[in-house]
Protein backbone atom coordinates (compact mmCIF):
# COMPACT_ATOMS: atom_id res chain seq x y z
CA MET A 1 -108.23 -38.87 94.62
CA SER A 2 -105.27 -39.47 92.32
CA SER A 3 -105.75 -40.88 88.86
CA THR A 4 -104.27 -44.35 88.33
CA SER A 5 -103.67 -43.70 84.64
CA PRO A 6 -100.51 -42.03 83.35
CA TYR A 7 -100.33 -38.26 83.21
CA TRP A 8 -98.88 -38.48 79.69
CA LEU A 9 -101.94 -40.37 78.42
CA SER A 10 -104.38 -37.85 79.90
CA GLU A 11 -103.70 -35.60 76.91
CA GLN A 12 -106.27 -36.36 74.22
CA ALA A 13 -104.70 -38.26 71.33
CA PRO A 14 -105.35 -36.81 67.88
CA PRO A 15 -107.06 -39.17 65.44
CA LEU A 16 -104.59 -41.56 63.81
CA LEU A 17 -105.36 -41.44 60.10
CA SER A 18 -104.23 -44.91 59.06
CA ALA A 19 -105.55 -46.57 55.92
CA ALA A 20 -105.86 -50.33 55.62
CA LEU A 21 -103.30 -51.98 53.35
CA ASP A 22 -104.55 -53.35 50.07
CA GLY A 23 -103.20 -56.88 50.23
CA VAL A 24 -100.66 -58.75 52.32
CA PRO A 25 -98.08 -56.67 54.24
CA ASP A 26 -94.36 -57.11 53.67
CA VAL A 27 -93.65 -56.68 57.40
CA GLU A 28 -95.81 -56.77 60.52
CA VAL A 29 -94.69 -55.04 63.70
CA VAL A 30 -96.01 -56.13 67.09
CA GLY A 31 -96.02 -53.19 69.50
CA ALA A 32 -96.87 -49.54 68.80
CA GLY A 33 -94.52 -47.90 71.26
CA VAL A 34 -91.45 -45.89 70.38
CA THR A 35 -89.59 -48.88 68.91
CA GLY A 36 -92.47 -50.19 66.82
CA CYS A 37 -93.39 -46.75 65.51
CA ALA A 38 -89.77 -45.84 64.67
CA CYS A 39 -89.38 -49.18 62.89
CA ALA A 40 -92.64 -48.75 60.99
CA LEU A 41 -91.69 -45.24 59.93
CA ALA A 42 -88.31 -46.35 58.60
CA LEU A 43 -89.75 -49.36 56.74
CA ALA A 44 -92.67 -47.42 55.25
CA ARG A 45 -90.36 -44.67 54.06
CA ALA A 46 -88.22 -47.38 52.43
CA GLY A 47 -91.27 -48.43 50.39
CA LEU A 48 -92.36 -51.54 52.30
CA ARG A 49 -95.97 -52.36 53.13
CA VAL A 50 -96.12 -52.28 56.93
CA ARG A 51 -98.84 -53.23 59.40
CA VAL A 52 -98.48 -52.41 63.12
CA HIS A 53 -100.44 -54.20 65.84
CA ASP A 54 -100.88 -53.17 69.46
CA ALA A 55 -102.92 -54.78 72.22
CA ARG A 56 -103.87 -51.28 73.34
CA GLN A 57 -103.41 -47.95 71.60
CA VAL A 58 -100.32 -46.24 70.26
CA ALA A 59 -98.08 -45.42 73.28
CA GLY A 60 -100.41 -47.34 75.60
CA GLY A 61 -97.58 -49.40 77.10
CA ALA A 62 -94.22 -48.29 78.46
CA SER A 63 -93.96 -45.44 75.94
CA GLY A 64 -96.83 -43.67 77.72
CA ARG A 65 -95.95 -44.87 81.21
CA ASN A 66 -92.37 -43.72 81.86
CA GLY A 67 -90.75 -40.67 83.43
CA GLY A 68 -90.27 -38.68 80.24
CA PHE A 69 -86.47 -38.64 80.08
CA ALA A 70 -84.50 -38.67 76.82
CA LEU A 71 -80.92 -39.54 77.78
CA ARG A 72 -77.98 -40.36 75.54
CA GLY A 73 -75.88 -43.45 76.19
CA GLY A 74 -76.75 -46.82 77.62
CA ALA A 75 -78.19 -47.99 80.90
CA MET A 76 -74.75 -48.19 82.52
CA PRO A 77 -72.44 -45.27 83.43
CA TYR A 78 -69.98 -44.34 80.71
CA ASP A 79 -66.88 -45.44 82.62
CA SER A 80 -68.49 -48.85 83.20
CA ALA A 81 -69.33 -49.06 79.50
CA ARG A 82 -65.67 -48.46 78.65
CA GLU A 83 -64.65 -51.26 81.00
CA TRP A 84 -67.25 -53.75 79.79
CA LEU A 85 -67.37 -52.95 76.07
CA GLY A 86 -63.96 -51.45 75.41
CA ARG A 87 -63.22 -47.79 74.97
CA GLU A 88 -63.80 -47.63 71.22
CA THR A 89 -67.16 -49.42 71.34
CA ALA A 90 -68.36 -47.41 74.34
CA GLN A 91 -67.52 -44.16 72.60
CA ALA A 92 -69.26 -45.29 69.41
CA TYR A 93 -72.31 -46.39 71.44
CA TRP A 94 -72.65 -43.00 73.13
CA ARG A 95 -72.17 -41.14 69.83
CA TRP A 96 -74.75 -43.39 68.17
CA THR A 97 -77.38 -42.50 70.79
CA GLU A 98 -76.53 -38.80 70.56
CA ALA A 99 -77.13 -38.94 66.82
CA ALA A 100 -80.42 -40.78 67.40
CA LEU A 101 -81.59 -38.05 69.78
CA ASP A 102 -80.66 -35.46 67.17
CA ARG A 103 -82.94 -37.26 64.70
CA LEU A 104 -85.71 -37.81 67.22
CA ALA A 105 -86.03 -34.21 68.39
CA PRO A 106 -87.36 -32.69 65.15
CA LEU A 107 -89.74 -35.63 64.65
CA ALA A 108 -91.14 -35.10 68.17
CA GLY A 109 -91.62 -31.35 67.79
CA ASP A 110 -92.74 -29.64 71.00
CA ALA A 111 -93.05 -33.04 72.72
CA CYS A 112 -89.24 -32.87 73.09
CA ARG A 113 -87.30 -30.09 74.84
CA ARG A 114 -83.48 -30.18 74.57
CA VAL A 115 -82.72 -28.85 78.06
CA GLY A 116 -79.97 -31.25 79.17
CA SER A 117 -80.09 -33.45 82.27
CA LEU A 118 -78.48 -33.48 85.70
CA ARG A 119 -77.22 -36.66 87.33
CA VAL A 120 -76.80 -35.90 91.03
CA ALA A 121 -74.78 -37.60 93.76
CA ALA A 122 -76.77 -38.58 96.83
CA ASP A 123 -73.64 -38.92 98.98
CA GLY A 124 -69.85 -38.82 98.90
CA GLU A 125 -69.52 -42.33 97.52
CA GLU A 126 -71.80 -41.58 94.59
CA ARG A 127 -69.96 -38.31 94.05
CA GLU A 128 -66.73 -40.25 93.52
CA GLU A 129 -68.51 -42.54 91.06
CA LEU A 130 -69.91 -39.58 89.14
CA ARG A 131 -66.52 -37.93 89.05
CA ALA A 132 -65.00 -41.08 87.53
CA GLU A 133 -67.72 -41.11 84.87
CA TYR A 134 -67.22 -37.40 84.18
CA ASP A 135 -63.47 -37.88 83.76
CA ALA A 136 -64.06 -40.74 81.31
CA LEU A 137 -66.54 -38.67 79.29
CA ARG A 138 -64.13 -35.77 79.07
CA GLU A 139 -61.20 -38.02 78.12
CA ASP A 140 -63.20 -39.26 75.15
CA GLY A 141 -64.40 -35.84 74.05
CA ILE A 142 -68.04 -36.35 75.05
CA ALA A 143 -69.69 -33.15 76.26
CA ALA A 144 -70.32 -32.98 80.02
CA GLU A 145 -70.04 -30.38 82.77
CA TRP A 146 -69.15 -30.96 86.42
CA ARG A 147 -71.29 -29.13 88.99
CA ASP A 148 -69.84 -28.65 92.48
CA GLU A 149 -72.13 -25.83 93.53
CA LEU A 150 -75.80 -26.73 93.33
CA VAL A 151 -78.60 -24.23 93.75
CA PRO A 152 -81.56 -24.64 96.14
CA PRO A 153 -83.43 -26.89 96.62
CA LEU A 154 -80.57 -29.20 95.53
CA ALA A 155 -77.93 -27.43 97.65
CA GLY A 156 -77.17 -29.32 100.84
CA ARG A 157 -79.12 -32.34 99.69
CA PHE A 158 -76.79 -33.57 96.96
CA ALA A 159 -72.98 -33.75 96.85
CA GLY A 160 -72.28 -32.78 93.23
CA ALA A 161 -73.56 -33.51 89.76
CA ILE A 162 -72.82 -34.07 86.07
CA PHE A 163 -74.72 -31.94 83.59
CA HIS A 164 -75.31 -33.71 80.27
CA PRO A 165 -76.05 -30.88 77.80
CA THR A 166 -77.39 -32.93 74.89
CA ASP A 167 -80.21 -34.67 76.80
CA ALA A 168 -83.90 -33.80 76.68
CA VAL A 169 -87.22 -34.07 78.42
CA LEU A 170 -90.27 -35.51 76.67
CA GLN A 171 -94.00 -35.78 76.64
CA PRO A 172 -93.32 -39.41 75.67
CA ALA A 173 -96.83 -40.36 74.59
CA GLY A 174 -97.04 -37.24 72.43
CA MET A 175 -93.67 -38.04 70.88
CA VAL A 176 -94.70 -41.60 69.97
CA ARG A 177 -98.06 -40.49 68.63
CA ARG A 178 -96.20 -38.15 66.26
CA LEU A 179 -93.98 -41.00 65.09
CA ALA A 180 -97.08 -43.09 64.47
CA ALA A 181 -98.74 -40.28 62.52
CA LYS A 182 -95.67 -39.90 60.32
CA ALA A 183 -95.51 -43.66 59.77
CA ALA A 184 -99.20 -43.68 58.80
CA GLN A 185 -98.60 -40.79 56.41
CA ALA A 186 -95.84 -42.89 54.83
CA GLY A 187 -98.33 -45.72 54.28
CA ALA A 188 -98.12 -47.89 57.42
CA GLU A 189 -101.36 -49.45 58.66
CA PHE A 190 -102.04 -49.34 62.41
CA ARG A 191 -104.34 -51.84 64.11
CA GLU A 192 -104.93 -50.70 67.67
CA TRP A 193 -106.63 -53.03 70.17
CA SER A 194 -105.19 -55.91 68.13
CA ARG A 195 -103.44 -58.40 70.41
CA VAL A 196 -101.25 -60.92 68.59
CA GLY A 197 -101.34 -64.23 70.42
CA SER A 198 -99.35 -66.26 67.93
CA LEU A 199 -97.12 -65.69 64.93
CA ASP A 200 -99.53 -67.92 63.02
CA GLU A 201 -102.10 -65.10 63.18
CA LEU A 202 -99.89 -62.85 61.03
CA GLU A 203 -99.79 -62.71 57.24
CA ALA A 204 -96.38 -61.17 56.56
CA GLY A 205 -93.26 -63.21 55.93
CA ARG A 206 -91.27 -60.83 58.13
CA VAL A 207 -92.21 -59.87 61.70
CA VAL A 208 -90.68 -57.47 64.23
CA VAL A 209 -91.54 -57.98 67.92
CA ALA A 210 -91.22 -54.64 69.71
CA THR A 211 -92.91 -55.12 73.07
CA ASP A 212 -89.79 -54.57 75.24
CA GLY A 213 -90.59 -55.83 78.76
CA TYR A 214 -94.19 -56.81 78.12
CA PRO A 215 -94.27 -60.60 77.55
CA SER A 216 -95.35 -61.36 73.99
CA GLY A 217 -95.18 -65.15 73.81
CA LEU A 218 -93.63 -64.70 70.36
CA LEU A 219 -89.90 -65.01 71.12
CA ASP A 220 -89.42 -68.75 71.61
CA GLY A 221 -86.17 -69.51 73.45
CA ILE A 222 -85.43 -65.93 74.47
CA GLU A 223 -88.94 -65.34 75.88
CA GLY A 224 -88.52 -64.21 79.48
CA LEU A 225 -84.82 -63.39 79.10
CA ILE A 226 -85.81 -59.76 78.65
CA ILE A 227 -87.04 -59.47 82.22
CA PRO A 228 -90.33 -57.59 82.86
CA THR A 229 -89.61 -54.84 85.39
CA ARG A 230 -92.02 -52.32 86.89
CA GLY A 231 -91.31 -48.62 87.20
CA GLN A 232 -93.68 -46.50 89.31
CA VAL A 233 -94.26 -42.77 88.87
CA ILE A 234 -96.34 -39.95 90.35
CA ALA A 235 -97.26 -36.47 89.11
CA THR A 236 -98.23 -33.66 91.45
CA GLU A 237 -100.60 -30.78 91.03
CA PRO A 238 -99.14 -27.93 88.91
CA LEU A 239 -96.62 -26.00 91.03
CA GLU A 240 -96.42 -22.20 91.00
CA GLU A 241 -92.62 -22.15 90.85
CA THR A 242 -90.40 -23.94 88.33
CA LEU A 243 -87.71 -25.63 90.40
CA PHE A 244 -86.74 -28.60 88.22
CA PRO A 245 -87.01 -27.62 84.54
CA ILE A 246 -84.60 -30.36 83.43
CA PRO A 247 -84.46 -34.10 84.14
CA HIS A 248 -82.73 -34.95 87.43
CA TYR A 249 -81.70 -38.43 88.52
CA GLY A 250 -79.67 -39.85 91.37
CA ARG A 251 -78.95 -42.88 93.54
CA HIS A 252 -77.72 -44.73 90.44
CA GLY A 253 -80.94 -43.88 88.63
CA PHE A 254 -83.27 -45.21 91.33
CA ASP A 255 -84.68 -41.66 91.80
CA TYR A 256 -85.66 -39.40 88.91
CA TRP A 257 -87.74 -36.27 88.59
CA HIS A 258 -88.49 -33.13 86.59
CA GLN A 259 -91.29 -30.64 86.04
CA ALA A 260 -93.55 -31.01 83.03
CA ALA A 261 -94.52 -28.08 80.84
CA ASP A 262 -97.57 -27.31 83.02
CA GLY A 263 -95.49 -27.20 86.22
CA ARG A 264 -96.35 -30.63 87.59
CA LEU A 265 -93.50 -32.42 89.30
CA VAL A 266 -93.13 -35.87 87.77
CA ALA A 267 -91.13 -38.25 89.99
CA GLY A 268 -90.39 -41.93 89.69
CA GLY A 269 -88.18 -44.70 90.94
CA PHE A 270 -87.49 -46.16 94.38
CA ARG A 271 -87.70 -49.62 92.83
CA ASP A 272 -84.87 -50.65 95.14
CA TYR A 273 -87.25 -50.33 98.10
CA ALA A 274 -88.94 -53.56 96.95
CA LEU A 275 -86.74 -55.08 94.25
CA GLU A 276 -88.19 -58.57 94.27
CA SER A 277 -91.79 -57.40 93.87
CA GLU A 278 -90.85 -55.05 91.00
CA PHE A 279 -89.71 -57.81 88.64
CA THR A 280 -93.22 -58.19 87.29
CA ALA A 281 -95.43 -57.40 84.30
CA ASP A 282 -98.22 -56.18 86.59
CA GLU A 283 -98.89 -52.44 86.10
CA SER A 284 -100.41 -51.96 89.56
CA THR A 285 -98.90 -49.37 91.89
CA THR A 286 -97.85 -50.42 95.40
CA ALA A 287 -98.16 -48.65 98.72
CA THR A 288 -94.47 -49.10 99.64
CA ILE A 289 -93.08 -47.35 96.57
CA GLN A 290 -95.86 -44.79 96.26
CA GLU A 291 -95.27 -43.72 99.87
CA ALA A 292 -91.53 -43.47 99.21
CA LEU A 293 -92.18 -41.27 96.17
CA GLU A 294 -94.53 -39.02 98.15
CA THR A 295 -91.97 -38.63 100.96
CA PHE A 296 -89.22 -37.85 98.47
CA VAL A 297 -91.29 -35.20 96.67
CA ALA A 298 -92.34 -33.60 99.96
CA GLY A 299 -88.67 -33.40 100.94
CA LEU A 300 -87.73 -31.73 97.65
CA LEU A 301 -90.51 -29.16 97.95
CA GLY A 302 -90.51 -28.61 101.71
CA ALA A 303 -94.16 -29.63 102.02
CA PRO A 304 -96.32 -32.42 100.62
CA PRO A 305 -98.07 -31.44 97.38
CA ARG A 306 -101.31 -32.87 96.09
CA ILE A 307 -100.71 -35.97 93.97
CA ASP A 308 -102.91 -35.97 90.87
CA PHE A 309 -101.58 -38.98 88.98
CA ARG A 310 -100.05 -42.34 89.93
CA TRP A 311 -99.06 -45.03 87.47
CA ALA A 312 -96.71 -47.86 86.61
CA GLY A 313 -95.17 -49.12 83.39
CA ILE A 314 -93.18 -52.19 82.43
CA PHE A 315 -89.71 -52.04 80.93
CA GLY A 316 -87.40 -54.84 79.84
CA MET A 317 -84.31 -55.45 81.96
CA VAL A 318 -81.32 -57.35 80.55
CA PRO A 319 -78.53 -58.55 82.88
CA ASP A 320 -75.72 -57.02 80.78
CA LEU A 321 -77.72 -53.75 80.40
CA MET A 322 -77.45 -53.88 76.61
CA PRO A 323 -80.45 -53.83 74.23
CA VAL A 324 -81.54 -56.93 72.34
CA VAL A 325 -81.86 -56.28 68.60
CA GLY A 326 -81.71 -58.72 65.71
CA PRO A 327 -83.09 -62.03 64.46
CA VAL A 328 -84.81 -64.26 66.99
CA PRO A 329 -82.72 -67.45 67.29
CA GLY A 330 -84.45 -70.37 65.61
CA ARG A 331 -87.23 -68.25 64.10
CA GLU A 332 -86.62 -67.40 60.46
CA GLY A 333 -88.11 -64.07 59.44
CA VAL A 334 -88.69 -62.85 63.02
CA TRP A 335 -86.73 -60.00 64.58
CA VAL A 336 -86.81 -58.51 68.06
CA ALA A 337 -85.95 -55.07 69.42
CA GLY A 338 -86.18 -54.39 73.14
CA GLY A 339 -84.42 -54.78 76.46
CA TYR A 340 -83.52 -51.15 77.14
CA SER A 341 -83.19 -51.58 80.93
CA GLY A 342 -85.13 -48.41 81.70
CA HIS A 343 -83.60 -46.18 78.99
CA GLY A 344 -86.14 -46.84 76.27
CA ASN A 345 -87.08 -43.40 74.99
CA VAL A 346 -83.85 -42.81 73.04
CA LEU A 347 -82.61 -46.40 72.79
CA GLY A 348 -86.08 -47.53 71.74
CA PHE A 349 -86.12 -45.03 68.89
CA ALA A 350 -82.57 -45.87 67.81
CA CYS A 351 -83.17 -49.61 67.97
CA GLY A 352 -86.46 -49.30 66.08
CA GLU A 353 -84.54 -47.70 63.23
CA LEU A 354 -81.77 -50.29 63.59
CA VAL A 355 -84.04 -53.33 63.39
CA ALA A 356 -85.69 -51.78 60.33
CA ARG A 357 -82.30 -51.67 58.66
CA ALA A 358 -81.79 -55.34 59.54
CA VAL A 359 -85.16 -56.25 58.02
CA LEU A 360 -84.13 -54.37 54.89
CA GLY A 361 -81.05 -56.60 54.60
CA GLU A 362 -78.45 -54.18 55.90
CA THR A 363 -75.80 -55.20 58.43
CA PRO A 364 -74.85 -52.11 60.45
CA GLU A 365 -72.07 -52.64 63.00
CA GLU A 366 -74.38 -51.87 65.93
CA LEU A 367 -76.24 -55.16 65.41
CA ALA A 368 -73.18 -57.00 66.72
CA TRP A 369 -73.45 -55.11 70.02
CA PHE A 370 -77.04 -56.22 70.61
CA ASP A 371 -77.18 -59.77 69.17
CA PRO A 372 -80.13 -61.68 70.73
CA ALA A 373 -78.18 -64.97 70.53
CA ARG A 374 -75.97 -63.83 73.40
CA LEU A 375 -78.90 -64.36 75.77
CA LEU A 376 -78.71 -68.10 75.10
CA ALA A 377 -74.95 -68.39 75.57
């Protein structure tokens, strides 16, 4: 029987040594995933009194329920980003996420392995699309390698690939737990199993909502415009041979897989097999997508492995595939950071730091890229 809880959360969490604040906090953060913990760490290190709430435990939401990829860039291909955002902004966006991953890696320790990633082409059409992205990356001086010859078991199954050398693979729950521990060491208070039902329940004059795709009820007019979207994942028994030591993804990101440190093959995606049902905040797994994942994994390995873990997590989808970071329209003193469209491990960390800077009164240029008011336009 497979577990229905995430593989990443099966690892025992170390005790979170968080002391209660003495008095009213300066800022309260709702959500103890990667964004909330990165924000809390930045604010606490800046000397503010920070309290973090989560309806579950640290990393209990999407941060412990994803595929474990740490990819630079946005949710769109780079050549599309150049077309939509302009070349200069796209280049700055990609460089900004690369720098964030450089900062994240040492904080995560052995929960992050900088092994690169491989985006594969499922057919000739996708190969042409990947080649266009590769050419755009190279034109703008962003490191990438084209792979024509793929080794087994990829050979014959995929039509080419881009290798992204700066990417990483994560134990995402472990990474977020380390961020939380560092934030607590800096003075932040964590209240796990503390669901916030209304802003009126909070004491601080400044609030950051960092729940990404999980509906919070705290965002007024933009509530629901970050669309809850389900991603389903499986993890096999530990495999004797290491075939996929780096993150792989294909079919425009609808398939993704890699082997964890203990040899388990972690595979997710196939949301396009039932798109309408996957726009939901329900963390249940479904037979249609679980069967598709099992068939895919059996095809990669040549035989069906035992499946030890099955799970689902909720991420926030935004139609323009850009994060949502900044003040909540019409709500003085309330900020939001979320809407990573399935790329939350790196973007979530970067945007957690970014919203902290906004709370501190800074106006970095990246805030203009992610303005929440655009959702109401």
